[in-house]
Amino acid sequence: MRRPRPITPAPGQESVWDYPRPPRVEPVAERITIRLGGHLIADTRGAVRVLETSHPPVYYLPIVDFVPGALVDAPGGSFCEFKGAARYFDVRSGETLRQEAAWNYPHPAPGFEALMDRVAVYAAQMDECTVGEEIAVPQPGGFYGGWVTSAVVGPFKGVPGSLGW
């Protein structure tokens, strides 16, 4: 499939088509929060983001910045050709449970060591995920874990017809 036509970013925006492949990991200056079940379950200024061509950023928060009991080991896993073997977590807040809604890389591949002891969540399965003061929108398609904010433009992998991007 041909590469789509990237949207031209406005001042202060980034095009996901300028992100590298293999991906890059970089620190995040903004405060990141996650709410589930009506409660704040994670709050950090220590996140990193993974930037990969055609994908909105995936935010990884330090495990220690989740409230105790929010992350519960879940069965299964997956493999990323760049980051290595992932394990999954169920995410819990009070009576609310989202199965396999978070993941991390306990032994990340070389170049991705910054992901160790950090967790990413699917924004679509949370009540709210914020980057700075902005509520993030889940990456289209449900398979990928990127968070879309006004700071990034696409088109984004995950929309119908994007499988071969």
Protein backbone atom coordinates (compact mmCIF):
# COMPACT_ATOMS: atom_id res chain seq x y z
CA MET A 1 0.00 0.00 0.00
CA ARG A 2 1.28 3.47 -0.80
CA ARG A 3 2.27 5.87 1.87
CA PRO A 4 -0.51 8.36 2.59
CA ARG A 5 -0.09 12.09 2.18
CA PRO A 6 1.05 13.51 5.54
CA ILE A 7 -0.83 16.46 7.01
CA THR A 8 1.39 19.54 7.17
CA PRO A 9 1.93 20.45 10.84
CA ALA A 10 1.11 23.93 12.06
CA PRO A 11 3.60 25.79 14.28
CA GLY A 12 4.03 23.87 17.54
CA GLN A 13 2.81 20.58 16.03
CA GLU A 14 4.66 17.43 14.95
CA SER A 15 3.87 15.14 12.04
CA VAL A 16 3.95 11.46 12.93
CA TRP A 17 5.42 10.99 9.45
CA ASP A 18 8.59 12.71 10.69
CA TYR A 19 8.99 10.17 13.50
CA PRO A 20 11.69 7.53 12.92
CA ARG A 21 11.58 3.82 12.25
CA PRO A 22 12.98 2.11 14.30
CA PRO A 23 11.23 4.16 16.98
CA ARG A 24 12.85 6.69 19.30
CA VAL A 25 12.31 7.04 23.07
CA GLU A 26 12.40 10.50 24.62
CA PRO A 27 11.51 12.08 27.97
CA VAL A 28 8.24 13.97 28.38
CA ALA A 29 8.21 17.38 30.08
CA GLU A 30 4.44 17.51 30.61
CA ARG A 31 2.50 16.05 33.50
CA ILE A 32 0.72 12.82 32.51
CA THR A 33 -2.39 11.58 34.33
CA ILE A 34 -4.69 8.57 33.98
CA ARG A 35 -8.17 8.21 35.48
CA LEU A 36 -10.22 5.05 35.74
CA GLY A 37 -13.40 4.30 37.66
CA GLY A 38 -13.66 7.96 38.59
CA HIS A 39 -10.27 7.93 40.35
CA LEU A 40 -6.80 9.19 39.55
CA ILE A 41 -4.71 6.01 39.18
CA ALA A 42 -1.48 7.50 37.79
CA ASP A 43 0.15 10.91 37.95
CA THR A 44 3.69 11.62 36.82
CA ARG A 45 6.20 14.06 35.43
CA GLY A 46 8.56 11.15 34.75
CA ALA A 47 7.05 9.67 31.59
CA VAL A 48 8.79 8.89 28.33
CA ARG A 49 7.21 8.59 24.92
CA VAL A 50 7.93 6.27 22.02
CA LEU A 51 7.80 7.91 18.61
CA GLU A 52 7.40 5.70 15.53
CA THR A 53 6.58 6.59 11.95
CA SER A 54 2.81 6.92 11.35
CA HIS A 55 1.92 6.42 15.04
CA PRO A 56 0.93 9.00 17.63
CA PRO A 57 3.17 8.87 20.71
CA VAL A 58 2.85 6.00 23.17
CA TYR A 59 3.39 7.23 26.73
CA TYR A 60 5.18 5.02 29.28
CA LEU A 61 4.77 5.99 32.93
CA PRO A 62 6.91 4.77 35.85
CA ILE A 63 5.24 1.80 37.53
CA VAL A 64 5.79 3.50 40.89
CA ASP A 65 3.57 6.41 39.79
CA PHE A 66 0.47 4.18 39.62
CA VAL A 67 -1.59 3.87 42.79
CA PRO A 68 -0.99 0.58 44.61
CA GLY A 69 -3.16 -2.21 43.22
CA ALA A 70 -3.96 -0.43 39.94
CA LEU A 71 -1.79 -2.82 37.89
CA VAL A 72 -2.53 -6.54 38.12
CA ASP A 73 -0.47 -9.12 36.22
CA ALA A 74 -2.48 -10.53 33.31
CA PRO A 75 -1.88 -13.63 31.22
CA GLY A 76 -0.32 -13.48 27.79
CA GLY A 77 2.14 -11.23 26.09
CA SER A 78 3.36 -10.09 22.72
CA PHE A 79 6.59 -9.30 20.91
CA CYS A 80 7.74 -6.06 19.29
CA GLU A 81 10.54 -6.33 16.75
CA PHE A 82 12.13 -3.22 18.26
CA LYS A 83 11.31 -3.21 21.98
CA GLY A 84 11.24 -6.95 22.74
CA ALA A 85 8.84 -9.14 24.74
CA ALA A 86 5.90 -7.40 26.43
CA ARG A 87 3.79 -8.53 29.34
CA TYR A 88 0.25 -7.35 30.03
CA PHE A 89 -1.59 -5.95 33.03
CA ASP A 90 -5.21 -5.64 33.94
CA VAL A 91 -5.95 -2.16 35.25
CA ARG A 92 -8.16 -1.83 38.33
CA SER A 93 -9.72 1.09 40.17
CA GLY A 94 -12.29 0.24 42.82
CA GLU A 95 -14.89 -1.99 41.16
CA THR A 96 -13.72 -1.06 37.64
CA LEU A 97 -11.49 -3.56 35.85
CA ARG A 98 -10.06 -3.28 32.34
CA GLN A 99 -8.48 -6.52 31.18
CA GLU A 100 -5.12 -6.39 29.41
CA ALA A 101 -5.38 -2.61 29.24
CA ALA A 102 -1.68 -1.96 30.00
CA TRP A 103 1.69 -3.42 29.08
CA ASN A 104 5.38 -3.07 29.65
CA TYR A 105 8.75 -4.47 28.61
CA PRO A 106 10.41 -6.01 31.69
CA HIS A 107 13.62 -6.64 29.73
CA PRO A 108 13.56 -4.17 26.83
CA ALA A 109 15.80 -4.63 23.81
CA PRO A 110 19.00 -2.57 23.51
CA GLY A 111 18.20 1.05 22.80
CA PHE A 112 14.90 0.86 24.71
CA GLU A 113 16.24 0.54 28.26
CA ALA A 114 14.30 3.68 29.25
CA LEU A 115 11.10 1.57 29.08
CA MET A 116 12.20 -0.69 31.94
CA ASP A 117 9.91 -0.29 34.96
CA ARG A 118 7.46 1.80 32.93
CA VAL A 119 3.92 0.98 31.78
CA ALA A 120 1.78 2.12 28.85
CA VAL A 121 -2.02 2.00 28.82
CA TYR A 122 -4.65 1.92 26.12
CA ALA A 123 -6.32 5.33 26.41
CA ALA A 124 -9.57 3.91 24.98
CA GLN A 125 -9.94 1.67 28.04
CA MET A 126 -9.41 4.44 30.59
CA ASP A 127 -11.84 7.17 31.65
CA GLU A 128 -9.31 9.87 30.80
CA CYS A 129 -5.65 10.22 29.90
CA THR A 130 -4.04 13.65 29.85
CA VAL A 131 -0.85 15.12 28.46
CA GLY A 132 -0.34 18.45 30.17
CA GLU A 133 -3.83 19.91 30.46
CA GLU A 134 -5.13 18.19 27.31
CA ILE A 135 -7.25 15.05 27.24
CA ALA A 136 -5.70 12.57 24.82
CA VAL A 137 -7.76 10.67 22.24
CA PRO A 138 -6.95 6.99 21.60
CA GLN A 139 -5.07 6.05 18.43
CA PRO A 140 -7.61 4.79 15.88
CA GLY A 141 -8.28 1.12 15.42
CA GLY A 142 -8.00 -0.28 18.94
CA PHE A 143 -4.85 -2.33 18.28
CA TYR A 144 -2.18 0.33 18.86
CA GLY A 145 -1.59 2.29 22.05
CA GLY A 146 -0.85 5.81 20.87
CA TRP A 147 -2.41 8.91 22.38
CA VAL A 148 -3.52 11.66 19.99
CA THR A 149 -3.29 15.29 21.12
CA SER A 150 -3.46 18.59 19.27
CA ALA A 151 0.37 18.53 19.17
CA VAL A 152 0.47 15.75 16.54
CA VAL A 153 -0.95 15.37 13.05
CA GLY A 154 -1.35 12.27 10.88
CA PRO A 155 -2.87 10.50 9.23
CA PHE A 156 -2.42 7.89 11.94
CA LYS A 157 -1.83 4.17 11.54
CA GLY A 158 -4.94 2.32 12.70
CA VAL A 159 -7.48 4.02 10.46
CA PRO A 160 -9.24 1.74 7.94
CA GLY A 161 -6.89 0.91 5.06
CA SER A 162 -3.68 1.59 7.03
CA LEU A 163 -2.59 -2.02 7.57
CA GLY A 164 0.28 -1.81 5.06
CA TRP A 165 1.71 1.54 6.18
